[in-house]
Protein backbone atom coordinates (compact mmCIF):
# COMPACT_ATOMS: atom_id res chain seq x y z
CA MET A 1 -16.05 -27.26 -30.90
CA ASN A 2 -18.23 -27.90 -27.24
CA TYR A 3 -19.91 -26.13 -25.28
CA VAL A 4 -17.05 -25.92 -22.49
CA THR A 5 -14.36 -25.32 -24.88
CA ILE A 6 -15.96 -22.37 -26.31
CA ILE A 7 -16.30 -21.02 -21.92
CA ASN A 8 -12.71 -21.98 -21.66
CA ILE A 9 -11.64 -19.71 -24.62
CA ILE A 10 -13.71 -17.06 -23.61
CA PHE A 11 -12.27 -17.16 -19.92
CA ALA A 12 -8.58 -17.50 -21.57
CA ILE A 13 -8.89 -14.21 -23.18
CA ILE A 14 -10.74 -12.57 -20.24
CA SER A 15 -7.64 -13.64 -18.31
CA ALA A 16 -5.02 -12.58 -20.99
CA LEU A 17 -6.65 -8.96 -21.12
CA LEU A 18 -6.63 -8.45 -17.52
CA GLY A 19 -2.61 -10.20 -17.70
CA ILE A 20 -2.15 -7.31 -20.08
CA TYR A 21 -3.77 -4.54 -17.98
CA LEU A 22 -1.38 -5.50 -15.38
CA PHE A 23 1.64 -5.70 -16.98
CA HIS A 24 3.02 -2.59 -16.08
CA PHE A 25 3.62 -3.91 -12.50
CA ILE A 26 6.33 -6.39 -13.94
CA PHE A 27 7.92 -3.34 -15.92
CA PHE A 28 8.15 -1.21 -13.30
CA ALA A 29 9.33 -3.60 -11.00
CA ILE A 30 11.82 -5.07 -12.98
CA SER A 31 13.10 -1.69 -13.16
CA ALA A 32 13.30 -0.56 -9.54
CA THR A 33 15.05 -4.46 -9.11
CA PHE A 34 18.22 -2.71 -9.97
CA HIS A 35 17.99 1.16 -10.03
CA HIS A 36 16.45 3.64 -7.63
CA ARG A 37 16.40 7.37 -8.63
CA LYS A 38 19.08 9.00 -6.24
CA TYR A 39 18.90 12.87 -5.31
CA PRO A 40 21.98 15.50 -4.94
CA THR A 41 22.74 16.55 -1.47
CA SER A 42 20.98 20.13 -1.11
CA ASP A 43 22.32 22.68 1.38
CA GLU A 44 19.27 23.92 1.51
CA LYS A 45 17.02 23.18 4.93
CA CYS A 46 13.55 23.39 4.09
CA ARG A 47 11.01 23.98 7.30
CA TYR A 48 8.59 21.31 8.29
CA GLY A 49 5.64 20.89 10.18
CA ILE A 50 5.81 17.00 11.70
CA ILE A 51 2.52 15.70 12.15
CA VAL A 52 2.06 12.88 14.25
CA SER A 53 -1.47 10.90 14.67
CA ALA A 54 -1.93 9.39 17.94
CA LYS A 55 -4.87 7.56 20.02
CA ASP A 56 -3.71 6.37 23.10
CA GLU A 57 0.49 5.66 22.50
CA GLU A 58 1.42 6.60 25.66
CA LYS A 59 3.74 3.58 25.35
CA VAL A 60 5.49 4.88 22.07
CA ILE A 61 4.87 8.55 21.66
CA GLY A 62 8.02 9.42 23.29
CA ARG A 63 10.14 7.13 21.50
CA LEU A 64 9.43 8.74 17.82
CA ILE A 65 9.83 12.00 19.59
CA ASN A 66 12.90 11.36 20.75
CA SER A 67 14.00 9.87 17.46
CA ILE A 68 13.24 13.08 15.53
CA LYS A 69 15.30 14.87 17.86
CA GLU A 70 18.45 13.06 17.15
CA THR A 71 18.08 13.20 13.92
CA ASN A 72 21.08 15.37 12.06
CA TYR A 73 18.01 17.75 10.85
CA PRO A 74 18.08 21.13 12.67
CA MET A 75 15.58 20.92 14.78
CA ASP A 76 14.78 24.99 14.35
CA LYS A 77 13.67 23.78 11.16
CA LEU A 78 11.06 21.35 12.36
CA GLU A 79 7.95 21.67 14.67
CA ILE A 80 6.00 18.84 16.06
CA PHE A 81 2.22 18.58 16.00
CA VAL A 82 0.92 15.51 17.94
CA ILE A 83 -3.03 15.02 17.49
CA ALA A 84 -4.49 13.67 20.35
CA HIS A 85 -7.04 11.85 19.11
CA ASN A 86 -10.28 10.47 21.72
CA CYS A 87 -6.94 9.51 24.08
CA LYS A 88 -7.58 8.35 27.28
CA ASP A 89 -4.05 7.54 28.42
CA LEU A 90 -1.05 10.25 29.17
CA THR A 91 0.01 10.60 25.05
CA ALA A 92 -0.73 14.47 25.41
CA GLU A 93 1.44 14.96 28.67
CA ILE A 94 4.12 12.84 27.28
CA ALA A 95 4.32 14.52 23.59
CA ARG A 96 4.04 18.09 25.01
CA SER A 97 6.62 17.02 27.98
CA LEU A 98 9.02 16.22 25.00
CA GLY A 99 8.31 20.02 23.64
CA ALA A 100 5.53 18.86 20.70
CA LYS A 101 2.81 20.92 20.57
CA VAL A 102 -0.53 18.89 21.11
CA ILE A 103 -3.48 19.32 19.55
CA ILE A 104 -6.20 17.92 21.28
CA ASP A 105 -9.58 16.37 19.05
CA ASN A 106 -11.84 14.66 21.26
CA ASN A 107 -14.74 13.53 19.29
CA GLU A 108 -15.97 10.00 19.58
CA ASN A 109 -18.36 10.73 16.54
CA GLU A 110 -15.06 11.15 14.26
CA LYS A 111 -12.84 8.22 14.30
CA THR A 112 -11.08 7.91 11.22
CA LEU A 113 -7.87 9.45 10.56
CA GLY A 114 -8.94 11.89 7.89
CA LEU A 115 -11.06 13.82 10.28
CA ALA A 116 -8.33 13.71 12.54
CA TYR A 117 -6.06 15.67 10.35
CA LYS A 118 -9.04 18.05 9.08
CA TYR A 119 -9.38 18.97 12.57
CA ALA A 120 -5.68 19.54 13.36
CA PHE A 121 -4.74 21.88 10.06
CA GLU A 122 -8.09 23.86 11.01
CA ARG A 123 -6.11 24.99 13.83
CA ILE A 124 -2.61 24.79 12.93
CA GLU A 125 -0.88 28.58 12.02
CA ASN A 126 0.18 30.28 9.17
CA ILE A 127 0.26 26.80 7.07
CA SER A 128 2.20 28.81 4.58
CA SER A 129 5.14 29.52 6.49
CA TYR A 130 6.25 25.61 6.48
CA ASP A 131 7.44 24.43 3.01
CA GLY A 132 5.54 20.77 3.91
CA PHE A 133 3.86 18.80 6.50
CA ILE A 134 5.74 15.36 7.00
CA PHE A 135 3.40 12.62 8.47
CA PHE A 136 3.90 10.25 10.74
CA ASN A 137 1.96 7.33 13.19
CA ALA A 138 2.89 7.13 16.49
CA ASP A 139 4.51 4.03 16.61
CA ASN A 140 6.97 5.15 13.57
CA VAL A 141 11.05 5.28 14.41
CA VAL A 142 13.42 7.78 11.97
CA PRO A 143 17.03 7.51 11.69
CA LYS A 144 19.47 9.91 11.81
CA ASP A 145 19.25 10.97 8.42
CA TYR A 146 16.04 10.47 7.35
CA PHE A 147 15.14 13.98 7.44
CA ASP A 148 18.00 14.88 5.38
CA LYS A 149 17.41 12.24 2.32
CA LEU A 150 13.84 13.61 2.22
CA ASN A 151 14.53 16.98 1.99
CA ASP A 152 17.31 16.48 -0.65
CA ALA A 153 14.47 14.70 -2.45
CA PHE A 154 11.65 17.14 -1.55
CA ILE A 155 13.99 20.12 -3.05
CA TYR A 156 14.77 18.21 -6.41
CA TYR A 157 11.02 18.68 -7.09
CA HIS A 158 10.88 22.17 -6.12
CA LYS A 159 8.81 21.74 -2.91
CA LYS A 160 5.93 21.12 -5.45
CA ASP A 161 5.59 17.62 -4.99
CA VAL A 162 4.36 14.83 -2.42
CA VAL A 163 7.54 12.55 -1.70
CA SER A 164 6.51 9.34 0.09
CA SER A 165 9.53 7.08 1.72
CA LEU A 166 10.49 3.63 2.54
CA ARG A 167 8.79 1.94 4.81
CA HIS A 168 10.09 -0.92 6.96
CA SER A 169 9.31 -3.26 9.81
CA LEU A 170 10.69 -1.79 13.30
CA ASN A 171 9.79 -4.99 15.06
CA VAL A 172 10.99 -7.97 12.70
CA GLU A 173 12.31 -9.90 15.83
CA ASP A 174 8.83 -10.26 17.29
CA GLY A 175 8.30 -12.83 14.83
CA LEU A 176 7.54 -14.10 11.50
CA ILE A 177 4.37 -11.62 10.94
CA PRO A 178 6.23 -8.20 11.26
CA SER A 179 8.85 -10.11 8.86
CA LEU A 180 5.76 -10.62 6.28
CA TYR A 181 4.76 -7.37 6.43
CA ASN A 182 8.38 -6.17 5.50
CA TYR A 183 7.61 -8.05 2.46
CA TYR A 184 4.11 -6.73 1.69
CA PHE A 185 5.31 -2.96 2.28
CA SER A 186 8.19 -3.56 0.24
CA THR A 187 6.50 -4.62 -2.64
CA SER A 188 4.58 -1.34 -2.85
CA CYS A 189 7.20 0.86 -1.99
CA LEU A 190 10.61 -0.85 -3.44
CA LEU A 191 8.76 -2.26 -6.71
CA ALA A 192 6.05 -0.49 -7.41
CA PHE A 193 6.58 3.21 -6.54
CA SER A 194 10.26 3.25 -6.81
CA GLY A 195 9.84 1.60 -10.21
CA ARG A 196 7.18 4.41 -11.19
CA ASN A 197 9.47 7.11 -10.22
CA ASN A 198 12.38 6.03 -12.24
CA PHE A 199 9.85 7.08 -15.15
CA ASN A 200 8.28 9.92 -13.64
CA VAL A 201 5.11 8.35 -13.02
CA SER A 202 3.19 8.84 -10.04
CA GLY A 203 3.11 6.43 -7.15
CA ARG A 204 1.18 6.94 -3.67
CA ILE A 205 1.33 7.17 -0.02
CA THR A 206 0.58 4.44 2.27
CA GLY A 207 -0.64 5.97 5.62
CA CYS A 208 2.62 7.49 7.18
CA GLY A 209 6.36 8.22 5.72
CA PHE A 210 5.47 10.89 3.42
CA VAL A 211 6.14 14.80 2.99
CA LEU A 212 3.38 16.99 1.97
CA PRO A 213 3.58 20.12 0.39
CA SER A 214 2.08 23.09 2.11
CA SER A 215 0.31 24.45 -0.47
CA TYR A 216 -1.46 21.76 -1.28
CA LEU A 217 -3.36 22.71 2.15
CA VAL A 218 -4.83 26.12 0.96
CA ASP A 219 -8.17 24.34 1.23
CA GLY A 220 -7.72 22.05 4.27
CA TRP A 221 -7.42 18.74 4.44
CA ASN A 222 -10.81 16.84 2.57
CA TYR A 223 -10.01 13.31 2.61
CA LEU A 224 -12.09 11.93 5.46
CA SER A 225 -12.32 8.38 4.16
CA ILE A 226 -11.42 5.45 6.53
CA THR A 227 -8.61 5.04 4.01
CA GLU A 228 -7.81 8.44 3.22
CA ASP A 229 -4.26 7.66 1.71
CA ILE A 230 -5.77 5.83 -0.55
CA GLU A 231 -8.24 8.64 -1.51
CA PHE A 232 -5.51 11.18 -1.42
CA SER A 233 -3.65 9.38 -4.02
CA ALA A 234 -6.47 8.99 -6.60
CA ALA A 235 -7.77 12.46 -5.86
CA ASN A 236 -4.59 14.07 -6.65
CA VAL A 237 -3.34 12.14 -9.64
CA CYS A 238 -6.96 13.14 -10.93
CA LYS A 239 -5.57 16.75 -10.41
CA GLY A 240 -2.41 16.05 -12.51
CA ARG A 241 -0.17 15.84 -9.51
CA THR A 242 2.78 13.27 -9.13
CA ILE A 243 3.70 11.43 -5.98
CA ARG A 244 7.75 10.92 -5.82
CA PHE A 245 9.72 8.33 -4.10
CA CYS A 246 12.67 8.68 -1.92
CA TYR A 247 14.55 5.14 -1.46
CA ASP A 248 17.49 6.51 0.81
CA ALA A 249 14.55 8.22 3.30
CA VAL A 250 13.73 5.30 5.53
CA PHE A 251 11.49 5.25 8.60
CA TYR A 252 10.49 1.93 10.59
CA ASP A 253 7.04 1.22 11.34
CA GLU A 254 5.89 -1.10 14.24
CA GLN A 255 3.44 -4.23 12.56
CA PRO A 256 1.07 -5.87 14.99
CA THR A 257 2.37 -9.73 15.94
CA ASP A 258 -0.72 -11.56 16.29
CA LEU A 259 -3.09 -13.09 13.50
CA LYS A 260 -6.39 -11.59 14.84
CA THR A 261 -5.12 -7.93 14.55
CA VAL A 262 -3.98 -8.49 10.97
CA TRP A 263 -7.54 -9.80 9.94
CA ASN A 264 -8.99 -6.98 11.61
CA GLN A 265 -6.45 -4.16 9.90
CA ARG A 266 -6.50 -5.97 6.27
CA ILE A 267 -10.42 -5.89 6.39
CA ARG A 268 -10.29 -2.37 7.54
CA TRP A 269 -7.99 -1.35 4.46
CA ALA A 270 -10.25 -3.55 2.00
CA LYS A 271 -12.95 -2.14 3.01
CA GLY A 272 -11.74 1.46 2.11
CA GLN A 273 -10.25 0.21 -0.86
CA GLN A 274 -13.13 -0.85 -2.12
CA ILE A 275 -14.77 2.60 -0.96
CA ILE A 276 -12.26 4.77 -2.88
CA SER A 277 -12.05 2.41 -6.07
CA LYS A 278 -16.34 2.85 -6.47
CA LYS A 279 -15.86 6.23 -5.86
CA TYR A 280 -12.60 7.23 -7.79
CA PHE A 281 -12.50 4.55 -10.66
CA PRO A 282 -14.85 6.35 -12.97
CA ILE A 283 -13.41 9.77 -12.39
CA VAL A 284 -9.65 8.32 -13.15
CA LEU A 285 -11.01 6.92 -16.13
CA LYS A 286 -12.94 9.94 -17.20
CA SER A 287 -9.93 11.85 -16.57
CA LEU A 288 -7.53 8.95 -18.52
CA PHE A 289 -9.51 9.93 -21.69
CA SER A 290 -9.75 13.69 -21.17
CA LYS A 291 -7.79 16.06 -23.60
CA GLU A 292 -7.00 18.44 -20.10
CA HIS A 293 -5.13 15.87 -18.44
CA LYS A 294 -1.36 15.32 -19.83
CA ASN A 295 -0.34 12.40 -16.94
CA LYS A 296 -1.51 9.27 -18.93
CA VAL A 297 0.66 6.73 -17.69
CA SER A 298 0.18 7.83 -13.68
CA LEU A 299 -3.61 7.79 -14.47
CA PHE A 300 -3.57 4.65 -16.16
CA VAL A 301 -1.64 2.87 -12.91
CA SER A 302 -3.97 4.73 -10.65
CA LEU A 303 -6.49 2.26 -11.93
CA THR A 304 -5.49 -0.89 -10.57
CA PHE A 305 -7.11 -0.07 -7.05
CA HIS A 306 -6.12 -3.86 -5.10
CA SER A 307 -9.24 -4.70 -4.06
CA PHE A 308 -11.16 -3.75 -7.42
CA ILE A 309 -8.22 -6.37 -8.96
CA VAL A 310 -8.88 -9.01 -6.24
CA LEU A 311 -12.85 -8.58 -6.36
CA THR A 312 -12.45 -8.65 -10.59
CA VAL A 313 -10.31 -12.12 -10.22
CA PHE A 314 -12.71 -13.54 -7.60
CA VAL A 315 -16.04 -12.78 -9.91
CA LEU A 316 -14.56 -14.39 -12.78
CA PHE A 317 -13.76 -17.75 -10.95
CA LEU A 318 -17.29 -17.70 -9.93
CA ALA A 319 -18.96 -16.98 -13.23
CA GLN A 320 -16.10 -19.72 -15.13
CA ILE A 321 -17.67 -22.07 -12.59
CA ILE A 322 -21.22 -21.83 -12.51
CA LEU A 323 -21.30 -21.39 -16.52
CA LEU A 324 -19.11 -24.63 -16.55
CA LEU A 325 -21.70 -26.46 -13.84
CA LEU A 326 -24.87 -25.40 -16.83
CA SER A 327 -22.25 -27.92 -19.23
CA PRO A 328 -25.38 -31.02 -18.99
CA ILE A 329 -27.63 -28.32 -20.87
CA PHE A 330 -25.21 -28.48 -23.49
CA ASN A 331 -24.48 -32.42 -23.64
CA VAL A 332 -21.26 -32.26 -22.01
CA SER A 333 -20.78 -34.11 -18.71
CA ILE A 334 -19.73 -32.70 -15.10
CA TYR A 335 -17.04 -34.65 -15.36
CA ASP A 336 -15.53 -33.57 -18.63
CA ALA A 337 -16.13 -29.81 -17.43
CA PHE A 338 -14.12 -30.20 -14.33
CA LEU A 339 -11.56 -33.30 -14.27
CA TYR A 340 -11.09 -33.64 -18.50
CA TRP A 341 -7.60 -34.94 -19.28
CA ASP A 342 -6.38 -36.22 -22.65
CA HIS A 343 -4.45 -39.06 -22.17
CA SER A 344 -2.71 -38.96 -25.56
CA ALA A 345 -1.71 -35.74 -25.25
CA SER A 346 1.63 -34.45 -23.14
CA PHE A 347 1.35 -32.48 -19.96
CA PHE A 348 2.23 -29.22 -21.67
CA THR A 349 -0.53 -29.53 -23.96
CA ASN A 350 -3.13 -30.71 -21.81
CA MET A 351 -1.70 -27.69 -18.77
CA PHE A 352 -1.13 -24.44 -21.69
CA LEU A 353 -2.27 -25.23 -25.05
CA SER A 354 -5.46 -27.39 -24.68
CA PHE A 355 -8.88 -25.46 -24.03
CA ASN A 356 -11.07 -29.16 -23.38
CA THR A 357 -8.74 -29.50 -20.08
CA GLY A 358 -10.93 -29.96 -17.21
CA TYR A 359 -11.29 -26.33 -14.98
CA LEU A 360 -10.17 -28.34 -11.91
CA PHE A 361 -6.56 -28.36 -13.39
CA THR A 362 -6.68 -25.09 -14.88
CA PHE A 363 -7.41 -24.05 -11.22
CA PHE A 364 -4.33 -25.88 -9.57
CA LYS A 365 -2.30 -24.36 -12.35
CA SER A 366 -3.78 -20.64 -11.30
CA ILE A 367 -2.43 -21.59 -7.78
CA ALA A 368 0.60 -22.46 -8.94
CA PHE A 369 1.35 -19.20 -10.89
CA PHE A 370 0.01 -17.58 -7.73
CA PHE A 371 3.04 -18.87 -5.44
CA LEU A 372 5.04 -18.74 -8.72
CA ASN A 373 4.62 -15.09 -8.82
CA SER A 374 4.55 -14.36 -4.81
CA TYR A 375 8.18 -15.92 -4.59
CA LEU A 376 9.30 -13.72 -7.47
CA THR A 377 7.94 -10.35 -5.80
CA ALA A 378 9.89 -11.51 -2.86
CA ALA A 379 13.07 -12.58 -4.21
CA MET A 380 13.02 -8.75 -6.27
CA VAL A 381 12.15 -7.10 -3.04
CA LEU A 382 15.26 -8.76 -1.55
CA ILE A 383 17.31 -7.59 -4.40
CA SER A 384 15.89 -4.58 -4.87
CA GLY A 385 16.22 -3.72 -0.77
CA ARG A 386 19.44 -5.30 -0.46
CA SER A 387 21.47 -2.22 1.08
CA LYS A 388 18.40 -1.72 3.65
CA ASN A 389 17.94 -5.21 4.45
CA LYS A 390 21.11 -6.03 6.12
CA ASP A 391 20.25 -6.05 9.50
CA PHE A 392 17.25 -7.81 9.60
CA ASN A 393 16.57 -11.46 10.86
CA LYS A 394 18.07 -13.46 8.10
CA GLY A 395 16.36 -16.43 9.74
CA LYS A 396 12.96 -14.44 9.83
CA MET A 397 12.99 -13.33 6.29
CA PHE A 398 13.94 -16.45 5.17
CA ILE A 399 10.84 -18.81 6.90
CA SER A 400 8.46 -15.69 5.59
CA PHE A 401 9.80 -15.93 2.43
CA PHE A 402 8.46 -19.13 1.84
CA ILE A 403 4.73 -18.43 3.04
CA TYR A 404 4.67 -15.52 1.82
CA PRO A 405 1.68 -16.58 -0.87
CA LEU A 406 -0.14 -17.43 2.21
CA PHE A 407 -0.23 -14.16 3.73
CA LEU A 408 -1.16 -12.71 0.35
CA ALA A 409 -3.61 -14.93 -0.28
CA LEU A 410 -5.47 -14.12 2.77
CA GLN A 411 -6.47 -11.20 0.59
CA PHE A 412 -9.25 -12.97 -0.81
CA PRO A 413 -11.55 -14.11 1.98
CA MET A 414 -10.69 -10.31 3.41
CA GLU A 415 -12.15 -8.76 0.35
CA ILE A 416 -15.04 -10.85 0.22
CA ILE A 417 -15.76 -10.08 3.90
CA ALA A 418 -15.43 -6.58 3.82
CA LEU A 419 -17.48 -6.40 0.54
CA PHE A 420 -20.47 -7.22 2.24
CA LYS A 421 -19.51 -5.50 5.76
CA LYS A 422 -21.31 -2.25 6.12
CA GLU A 423 -19.62 -0.43 8.50
CA ILE A 424 -15.62 -0.98 9.72
CA LYS A 425 -15.06 0.07 12.79
CA TRP A 426 -11.20 1.25 14.22
CA LYS A 427 -9.70 -1.07 16.55
CA LYS A 428 -6.91 -0.66 18.55
CA ILE A 429 -3.42 -1.76 17.72
CA ASP A 430 -1.26 -2.11 20.86
CA HIS A 431 2.02 -0.92 20.62
CA GLY A 432 4.94 -0.61 22.49
CA LYS A 433 8.25 -2.55 21.16
CA SER A 434 11.60 -1.15 22.44
CA VAL A 435 14.29 -0.71 20.27
CA ASP A 436 17.97 0.58 20.14
């Protein structure tokens, strides 16, 4: 057994352990592909405060407020609060004219959404008079039954748990990127969160489209990072709380249409995940082994921060290459380390059973597995959300299906770039898609 064989065996074992660690994704995804938890219809109508974050959103704020007012839910049970955060347009005036209560937050030194929420909840009176608060972005739209479905789930959990909802792209007709984002968010909502919910395991919130019990706000809003949703999710699972999911409550979210905006947005998300991973990974790990915490499975799945996984894979990739480049020191040629192929053995043996095969072939095998996994995930999304996808443009969904692996692969360079960025500034995303 030579040096290269030993290195390949070690990294094969590490990869296998990482695969076991991530196996729960497959388990929950299979569950959600064929089943989503349903909730009984409730006659009780809870009172909700609706929190809408907006920064220069005069083009779309009216669309969201009107969609809320056109739902089947009694409007005397809904109070709309619009946080006009460092706005320089007519967002506040339009929201106020449509009956919303506007909270003006002008502080150029505070640019994160978490700080805007903190400011708003310090100014909303009688928080306990609301059963819960529902969070939206200004570019969202809700269908007529949204609040009824979300209310059914909220009451089912005795008004004590956060309940997130199904996020779909509003502007799929605008190009392939919104369609790709539909797969992207549906992977989290349909396969991860709904699958976990089937087994009472906590999911997480994804920015908007969730209801928060007012009891969670006794001490105000204290999640202030650039990815406040991930921070909120990690912090609350450590408190023993469970974030639920409602498949039948669907809301629509306008997505970027150009690659530059996608690039900036996802680098910001990546940096936020890295910050939260660094802060909360040891906290979640400690909670996992604490006798005081009973939600062990929720804690375990919460350890799988996307950035942590992507960066771990990248570090392993670099480490193996560096170690193989040292092979001449141990009397093994660079050619054998990277390009060796046993012509006397079968293709299957070389690719899947031999630890002597050159690393270049192993690398291509990993790429093939990545594409296969991405296609299987996209296919499971289509099956899992079949009743919700019927109105989408079939042509764009079909084309985006085949390029979805490339969309996911962007995460690798984005994570590396984010790792070396000291500061990520929020950049405005133009909205304004008009829909019926």
